[in-house]
Amino acid sequence: MRNWRNGLGTLAVAMLSASLLGSCGSFQRNVQLSSERLAQTNDPLSSTFGIAATALRSTVLAAIRQPVTTTKVGFTLFYQRSSELLRSNFATADLYSHSLAEIPGSPEFERLLDRRNIRPAERGSLSLRVDGQTFFPDFEREVLKAKKSINVQIYIFDNDDVGVRCADLLKSRATHLSAHVLFDDMGTTFSHAVAPTTPGPIGFVPPADIEDYLRKGSKVKVRRTLNPWLVSDHTKLITFDRERAYLGGMNIGREYRSEWHDLMVRVEGPIVRSLDREFTRAWRKAGAWGDFALIRSPIRSSSENQGSGPQLRLLRTDPSEGRYDILDAT
């Protein structure tokens, strides 16, 4: 931390950085580990300025581009924190002590979801990809196989060797199709300052910023998800040609390929078009017009749900849009 403080230019920047560091309890320990593996992480000075820039974007830029989102998220945080304080100090009835007639998977449960205005079911099929050794080879094959579009929304797009390999693949394909990458500003910036546990290739030097690396010499379009009130977007959604999609828990980086026990779900069928629209909405919102880009909604074709496969529902939590589908389904 001493080197970081010396590198800060002003007390204001130091306070902003400290507020971000306080939001991640294990960050200091991870940075200490990172100092032993500088070949896989940014130096402390670069990391500090990256975090300070994220703090500025999360406060000033988010308020300008996304005033509606910033206001909604602020009220949501205030309400949730107040409710938690009240529940922790006053006895409440156990809301889940009784059994429900609407068992998940039953017709009664489906009718319950309809009554709670959760979006209708759509056709599609699912298959699991357990751990990075299964998912990442699939991801690379899909990137090479895609013909029209690749859309990546991710919480962390790391700048280690695995992240750079994935970036290189996307850059190589961007001359032949439409390629978009949207990553969470805060999550990705923090990851640049933290080295993975497993060592990378000898001599590998990470790019200082994965956004600059993705843009340099390529046609990949890149945007950052802003973080009003320092709230991150943990969405991991990747679509190919609006026909195949992956979503789940894995980010792009060495930790997720080699270290973490995690899961992704491969989705096919008409429901992928709805997933792709979710990406498009997030992409538009992350642009220069922010919330104002969402005034006009895309038109949905009435024939999009035709196809085979079981009926699936998309459940999403997004406080800025008042969506609590997962909570409403319980």
Protein backbone atom coordinates (compact mmCIF):
# COMPACT_ATOMS: atom_id res chain seq x y z
CA MET A 1 0.00 0.00 0.00
CA ARG A 2 2.96 2.36 0.66
CA ASN A 3 3.99 2.32 -3.01
CA TRP A 4 0.40 2.98 -4.05
CA ARG A 5 0.07 6.03 -1.82
CA ASN A 6 3.34 7.45 -3.10
CA GLY A 7 2.08 7.04 -6.63
CA LEU A 8 -1.13 8.98 -6.10
CA GLY A 9 -1.08 12.55 -7.20
CA THR A 10 -3.72 14.04 -4.93
CA LEU A 11 -5.56 13.28 -1.72
CA ALA A 12 -8.88 13.15 -3.60
CA VAL A 13 -7.68 10.35 -5.87
CA ALA A 14 -6.37 8.50 -2.83
CA MET A 15 -9.77 8.69 -1.15
CA LEU A 16 -11.53 7.38 -4.26
CA SER A 17 -9.09 4.50 -4.57
CA ALA A 18 -9.44 3.68 -0.87
CA SER A 19 -13.21 3.46 -1.21
CA LEU A 20 -12.83 0.94 -4.01
CA LEU A 21 -10.23 -1.07 -2.14
CA GLY A 22 -12.53 -1.26 0.84
CA SER A 23 -15.20 -2.94 -1.30
CA CYS A 24 -13.05 -6.01 -1.81
CA GLY A 25 -11.84 -7.57 1.44
CA SER A 26 -9.27 -9.92 -0.07
CA PHE A 27 -7.81 -7.43 -2.52
CA GLN A 28 -4.80 -6.41 -0.42
CA ARG A 29 -3.80 -10.04 0.18
CA ASN A 30 -4.08 -10.80 -3.52
CA VAL A 31 -1.97 -7.79 -4.44
CA GLN A 32 0.76 -9.01 -2.10
CA LEU A 33 0.71 -12.35 -3.89
CA SER A 34 0.76 -10.51 -7.20
CA SER A 35 4.03 -8.80 -6.35
CA GLU A 36 5.68 -12.20 -6.61
CA ARG A 37 4.33 -12.76 -10.14
CA LEU A 38 4.66 -9.41 -11.87
CA ALA A 39 4.80 -11.14 -15.26
CA GLN A 40 1.07 -11.91 -14.91
CA THR A 41 -0.18 -8.63 -13.46
CA ASN A 42 0.16 -4.86 -13.76
CA ASP A 43 2.69 -2.98 -11.68
CA PRO A 44 1.35 -1.17 -8.58
CA LEU A 45 1.51 2.29 -10.16
CA SER A 46 -0.46 1.25 -13.27
CA SER A 47 -2.95 -0.58 -11.09
CA THR A 48 -3.48 2.49 -8.91
CA PHE A 49 -4.19 4.82 -11.81
CA GLY A 50 -6.48 2.21 -13.37
CA ILE A 51 -8.50 1.96 -10.15
CA ALA A 52 -8.64 5.76 -9.82
CA ALA A 53 -9.94 6.04 -13.42
CA THR A 54 -12.59 3.44 -12.65
CA ALA A 55 -13.66 5.41 -9.57
CA LEU A 56 -14.03 8.53 -11.70
CA ARG A 57 -16.08 6.71 -14.33
CA SER A 58 -18.24 5.06 -11.66
CA THR A 59 -19.16 8.39 -10.10
CA VAL A 60 -18.98 11.30 -12.55
CA LEU A 61 -19.40 9.55 -15.90
CA ALA A 62 -22.11 7.17 -14.65
CA ALA A 63 -24.14 10.06 -13.24
CA ILE A 64 -23.96 11.91 -16.57
CA ARG A 65 -24.62 9.03 -18.94
CA GLN A 66 -26.94 6.98 -16.76
CA PRO A 67 -28.88 9.35 -14.47
CA VAL A 68 -31.94 7.07 -14.35
CA THR A 69 -29.88 3.98 -13.56
CA THR A 70 -27.83 5.84 -10.95
CA THR A 71 -30.97 7.10 -9.21
CA LYS A 72 -32.72 3.71 -9.25
CA VAL A 73 -29.67 1.84 -7.98
CA GLY A 74 -29.16 4.45 -5.24
CA PHE A 75 -32.75 4.10 -3.99
CA THR A 76 -32.51 0.29 -4.21
CA LEU A 77 -29.34 0.23 -2.12
CA PHE A 78 -30.89 2.53 0.47
CA TYR A 79 -34.04 0.41 0.68
CA GLN A 80 -32.17 -2.90 0.87
CA ARG A 81 -29.73 -1.71 3.52
CA SER A 82 -32.54 -0.22 5.60
CA SER A 83 -34.55 -3.44 5.32
CA GLU A 84 -31.55 -5.52 6.36
CA LEU A 85 -31.03 -3.35 9.45
CA LEU A 86 -34.68 -3.67 10.43
CA ARG A 87 -34.76 -7.43 9.91
CA SER A 88 -31.59 -7.89 11.92
CA ASN A 89 -32.98 -5.99 14.90
CA PHE A 90 -36.57 -7.20 14.95
CA ALA A 91 -37.95 -10.73 14.96
CA THR A 92 -39.79 -11.66 11.78
CA ALA A 93 -41.84 -14.66 10.80
CA ASP A 94 -40.15 -17.44 8.86
CA LEU A 95 -41.52 -16.90 5.38
CA TYR A 96 -40.27 -20.24 4.13
CA SER A 97 -41.37 -22.54 6.94
CA HIS A 98 -44.43 -23.78 5.05
CA SER A 99 -44.46 -25.92 1.92
CA LEU A 100 -45.59 -24.48 -1.40
CA ALA A 101 -48.02 -26.08 -3.79
CA GLU A 102 -46.08 -24.60 -6.72
CA ILE A 103 -43.19 -27.07 -6.95
CA PRO A 104 -40.58 -25.99 -9.55
CA GLY A 105 -41.21 -27.84 -12.79
CA SER A 106 -44.92 -28.33 -12.12
CA PRO A 107 -47.75 -26.68 -14.09
CA GLU A 108 -48.69 -24.82 -10.88
CA PHE A 109 -45.21 -23.32 -10.72
CA GLU A 110 -45.43 -22.17 -14.33
CA ARG A 111 -48.76 -20.50 -13.62
CA LEU A 112 -47.19 -18.82 -10.58
CA LEU A 113 -44.46 -17.36 -12.78
CA ASP A 114 -47.08 -16.12 -15.22
CA ARG A 115 -48.99 -14.40 -12.41
CA ARG A 116 -45.81 -12.67 -11.31
CA ASN A 117 -45.26 -11.29 -14.82
CA ILE A 118 -42.06 -13.20 -15.46
CA ARG A 119 -41.36 -13.36 -19.16
CA PRO A 120 -42.95 -16.28 -21.02
CA ALA A 121 -41.11 -19.51 -21.68
CA GLU A 122 -39.28 -19.98 -24.98
CA ARG A 123 -37.93 -22.97 -26.85
CA GLY A 124 -34.34 -24.01 -26.32
CA SER A 125 -31.99 -26.73 -25.13
CA LEU A 126 -29.29 -26.77 -22.43
CA SER A 127 -26.03 -28.64 -21.87
CA LEU A 128 -23.46 -28.15 -19.12
CA ARG A 129 -19.78 -27.24 -19.39
CA VAL A 130 -18.11 -27.99 -16.06
CA ASP A 131 -14.76 -26.28 -15.33
CA GLY A 132 -12.49 -24.28 -17.58
CA GLN A 133 -10.85 -27.27 -19.24
CA THR A 134 -14.24 -28.03 -20.79
CA PHE A 135 -15.56 -24.54 -21.46
CA PHE A 136 -12.54 -22.72 -22.92
CA PRO A 137 -11.85 -25.20 -25.75
CA ASP A 138 -15.56 -24.89 -26.60
CA PHE A 139 -15.30 -21.11 -26.55
CA GLU A 140 -12.31 -21.15 -28.89
CA ARG A 141 -14.06 -23.51 -31.32
CA GLU A 142 -17.16 -21.32 -31.31
CA VAL A 143 -15.11 -18.20 -32.05
CA LEU A 144 -13.54 -19.91 -35.06
CA LYS A 145 -16.87 -21.39 -36.16
CA ALA A 146 -18.96 -18.18 -35.96
CA LYS A 147 -20.06 -16.71 -39.28
CA LYS A 148 -21.99 -13.52 -38.48
CA SER A 149 -21.55 -12.24 -34.94
CA ILE A 150 -19.83 -12.76 -31.59
CA ASN A 151 -21.14 -10.84 -28.59
CA VAL A 152 -19.31 -11.11 -25.26
CA GLN A 153 -20.61 -9.64 -22.01
CA ILE A 154 -18.34 -10.54 -19.12
CA TYR A 155 -17.61 -9.43 -15.59
CA ILE A 156 -13.83 -9.92 -15.84
CA PHE A 157 -11.83 -9.95 -19.06
CA ASP A 158 -8.37 -10.49 -17.60
CA ASN A 159 -5.08 -9.39 -19.13
CA ASP A 160 -3.20 -12.60 -18.29
CA ASP A 161 -2.07 -15.11 -20.91
CA VAL A 162 -5.48 -16.81 -21.19
CA GLY A 163 -7.25 -13.48 -21.54
CA VAL A 164 -4.78 -12.35 -24.19
CA ARG A 165 -5.21 -15.62 -26.11
CA CYS A 166 -8.98 -15.15 -26.16
CA ALA A 167 -8.54 -11.50 -27.19
CA ASP A 168 -6.25 -12.53 -30.05
CA LEU A 169 -8.85 -15.01 -31.33
CA LEU A 170 -11.56 -12.36 -31.25
CA LYS A 171 -9.30 -9.87 -33.01
CA SER A 172 -8.49 -12.37 -35.75
CA ARG A 173 -12.19 -13.03 -36.42
CA ALA A 174 -13.36 -9.41 -36.23
CA THR A 175 -12.31 -8.80 -39.84
CA HIS A 176 -14.84 -11.42 -40.99
CA LEU A 177 -17.83 -10.75 -38.70
CA SER A 178 -19.29 -8.41 -36.08
CA ALA A 179 -17.45 -8.73 -32.74
CA HIS A 180 -18.47 -6.87 -29.57
CA VAL A 181 -16.96 -7.12 -26.09
CA LEU A 182 -18.62 -5.56 -23.05
CA PHE A 183 -16.91 -6.00 -19.68
CA ASP A 184 -17.54 -4.70 -16.18
CA ASP A 185 -15.29 -1.72 -15.54
CA MET A 186 -14.63 -2.34 -11.85
CA GLY A 187 -14.31 -6.13 -12.00
CA THR A 188 -11.88 -6.08 -14.92
CA THR A 189 -9.78 -3.22 -13.54
CA PHE A 190 -9.34 -5.02 -10.22
CA SER A 191 -8.39 -8.24 -12.02
CA HIS A 192 -5.56 -6.46 -13.84
CA ALA A 193 -3.94 -5.83 -10.44
CA VAL A 194 -4.25 -9.41 -9.18
CA ALA A 195 -2.14 -12.29 -10.48
CA PRO A 196 -3.57 -15.81 -10.83
CA THR A 197 -2.24 -18.51 -8.54
CA THR A 198 -0.90 -20.70 -11.33
CA PRO A 199 2.10 -19.17 -13.10
CA GLY A 200 1.84 -18.18 -16.73
CA PRO A 201 4.34 -18.59 -19.57
CA ILE A 202 7.87 -17.42 -18.86
CA GLY A 203 8.47 -14.01 -20.33
CA PHE A 204 4.80 -13.14 -20.77
CA VAL A 205 4.10 -9.44 -20.17
CA PRO A 206 0.42 -8.52 -19.81
CA PRO A 207 -0.98 -5.51 -21.67
CA ALA A 208 -1.67 -2.65 -19.28
CA ASP A 209 -5.34 -2.47 -20.31
CA ILE A 210 -7.33 -5.18 -22.08
CA GLU A 211 -9.61 -2.60 -23.72
CA ASP A 212 -6.68 -0.97 -25.48
CA TYR A 213 -5.33 -4.38 -26.43
CA LEU A 214 -8.65 -5.50 -27.94
CA ARG A 215 -8.99 -2.30 -29.93
CA LYS A 216 -5.41 -2.07 -31.19
CA GLY A 217 -5.11 -3.15 -34.82
CA SER A 218 -8.53 -4.78 -34.88
CA LYS A 219 -12.21 -4.19 -35.59
CA VAL A 220 -13.42 -5.49 -32.23
CA LYS A 221 -15.84 -3.01 -30.66
CA VAL A 222 -15.29 -2.63 -26.91
CA ARG A 223 -17.25 -0.94 -24.12
CA ARG A 224 -17.18 -0.90 -20.31
CA THR A 225 -20.20 -1.44 -18.08
CA LEU A 226 -20.20 1.51 -15.68
CA ASN A 227 -20.58 1.00 -11.92
CA PRO A 228 -22.85 3.65 -10.36
CA TRP A 229 -22.58 3.48 -6.55
CA LEU A 230 -19.74 1.00 -7.13
CA VAL A 231 -22.21 -1.76 -7.99
CA SER A 232 -20.80 -4.33 -10.42
CA ASP A 233 -22.55 -6.26 -13.18
CA HIS A 234 -21.56 -9.92 -12.86
CA THR A 235 -23.29 -11.02 -16.07
CA LYS A 236 -21.43 -13.62 -18.13
CA LEU A 237 -23.16 -14.02 -21.49
CA ILE A 238 -21.61 -14.94 -24.84
CA THR A 239 -23.65 -15.37 -28.02
CA PHE A 240 -22.61 -16.66 -31.44
CA ASP A 241 -24.61 -15.90 -34.58
CA ARG A 242 -27.74 -15.46 -32.41
CA GLU A 243 -27.96 -19.27 -32.48
CA ARG A 244 -25.71 -20.48 -29.66
CA ALA A 245 -24.99 -18.96 -26.27
CA TYR A 246 -23.00 -19.60 -23.10
CA LEU A 247 -23.85 -18.20 -19.69
CA GLY A 248 -22.95 -19.05 -16.13
CA GLY A 249 -20.15 -18.33 -13.69
CA MET A 250 -16.89 -18.19 -15.66
CA ASN A 251 -14.99 -15.06 -16.62
CA ILE A 252 -12.19 -14.91 -19.18
CA GLY A 253 -8.81 -15.47 -17.56
CA ARG A 254 -6.34 -18.06 -16.28
CA GLU A 255 -8.08 -18.47 -12.92
CA TYR A 256 -11.23 -19.68 -14.64
CA ARG A 257 -9.44 -22.02 -17.02
CA SER A 258 -7.01 -23.61 -14.57
CA GLU A 259 -7.96 -22.89 -10.94
CA TRP A 260 -11.67 -22.46 -10.22
CA HIS A 261 -14.37 -25.15 -10.10
CA ASP A 262 -17.10 -23.43 -12.06
CA LEU A 263 -19.90 -23.95 -14.54
CA MET A 264 -21.18 -22.61 -17.85
CA VAL A 265 -24.37 -23.58 -19.67
CA ARG A 266 -24.53 -23.93 -23.45
CA VAL A 267 -27.89 -22.82 -24.86
CA GLU A 268 -29.30 -23.42 -28.32
CA GLY A 269 -32.61 -22.65 -29.98
CA PRO A 270 -34.93 -19.64 -30.36
CA ILE A 271 -34.33 -18.49 -26.78
CA VAL A 272 -30.79 -17.48 -27.80
CA ARG A 273 -32.27 -14.54 -29.71
CA SER A 274 -33.72 -13.25 -26.46
CA LEU A 275 -30.33 -13.67 -24.81
CA ASP A 276 -28.76 -11.74 -27.67
CA ARG A 277 -31.28 -8.94 -27.14
CA GLU A 278 -30.23 -8.82 -23.48
CA PHE A 279 -26.68 -8.23 -24.69
CA THR A 280 -27.79 -5.58 -27.18
CA ARG A 281 -29.65 -3.68 -24.46
CA ALA A 282 -26.62 -3.75 -22.16
CA TRP A 283 -24.36 -2.69 -25.05
CA ARG A 284 -26.53 0.30 -25.96
CA LYS A 285 -26.75 1.38 -22.33
CA ALA A 286 -22.95 1.30 -22.00
CA GLY A 287 -22.53 3.67 -24.94
CA ALA A 288 -22.23 7.44 -25.05
CA TRP A 289 -26.01 7.96 -24.81
CA GLY A 290 -26.33 5.75 -21.72
CA ASP A 291 -29.91 5.48 -20.42
CA PHE A 292 -31.21 7.62 -23.26
CA ALA A 293 -30.24 4.95 -25.80
CA LEU A 294 -32.95 2.69 -24.33
CA ILE A 295 -35.86 5.02 -25.08
CA ARG A 296 -36.49 3.16 -28.32
CA SER A 297 -36.95 -0.59 -27.85
CA PRO A 298 -36.12 -3.10 -30.60
CA ILE A 299 -39.03 -4.81 -32.35
CA ARG A 300 -39.45 -8.50 -31.62
CA SER A 301 -40.71 -10.87 -34.29
CA SER A 302 -43.77 -12.95 -33.33
CA SER A 303 -42.25 -16.00 -35.03
CA GLU A 304 -39.06 -16.08 -33.01
CA ASN A 305 -40.21 -18.76 -30.58
CA GLN A 306 -40.82 -21.35 -33.27
CA GLY A 307 -38.62 -24.42 -32.98
CA SER A 308 -38.08 -27.59 -31.03
CA GLY A 309 -36.82 -28.28 -27.53
CA PRO A 310 -38.16 -27.79 -24.00
CA GLN A 311 -39.67 -24.56 -22.77
CA LEU A 312 -37.15 -22.35 -20.91
CA ARG A 313 -37.52 -19.07 -19.03
CA LEU A 314 -34.99 -16.29 -18.65
CA LEU A 315 -34.77 -15.05 -15.06
CA ARG A 316 -32.75 -11.90 -14.48
CA THR A 317 -31.93 -9.68 -11.53
CA ASP A 318 -31.38 -6.03 -12.45
CA PRO A 319 -32.17 -3.37 -9.79
CA SER A 320 -31.85 -0.57 -12.35
CA GLU A 321 -34.81 -2.03 -14.25
CA GLY A 322 -36.74 -3.25 -11.22
CA ARG A 323 -36.26 -6.88 -12.24
CA TYR A 324 -35.98 -9.47 -9.48
CA ASP A 325 -37.09 -12.52 -11.45
CA ILE A 326 -35.12 -15.03 -9.39
CA LEU A 327 -36.48 -13.69 -6.09
CA ASP A 328 -39.99 -13.49 -7.52
CA ALA A 329 -39.79 -17.12 -8.60
CA THR A 330 -39.13 -18.35 -5.04
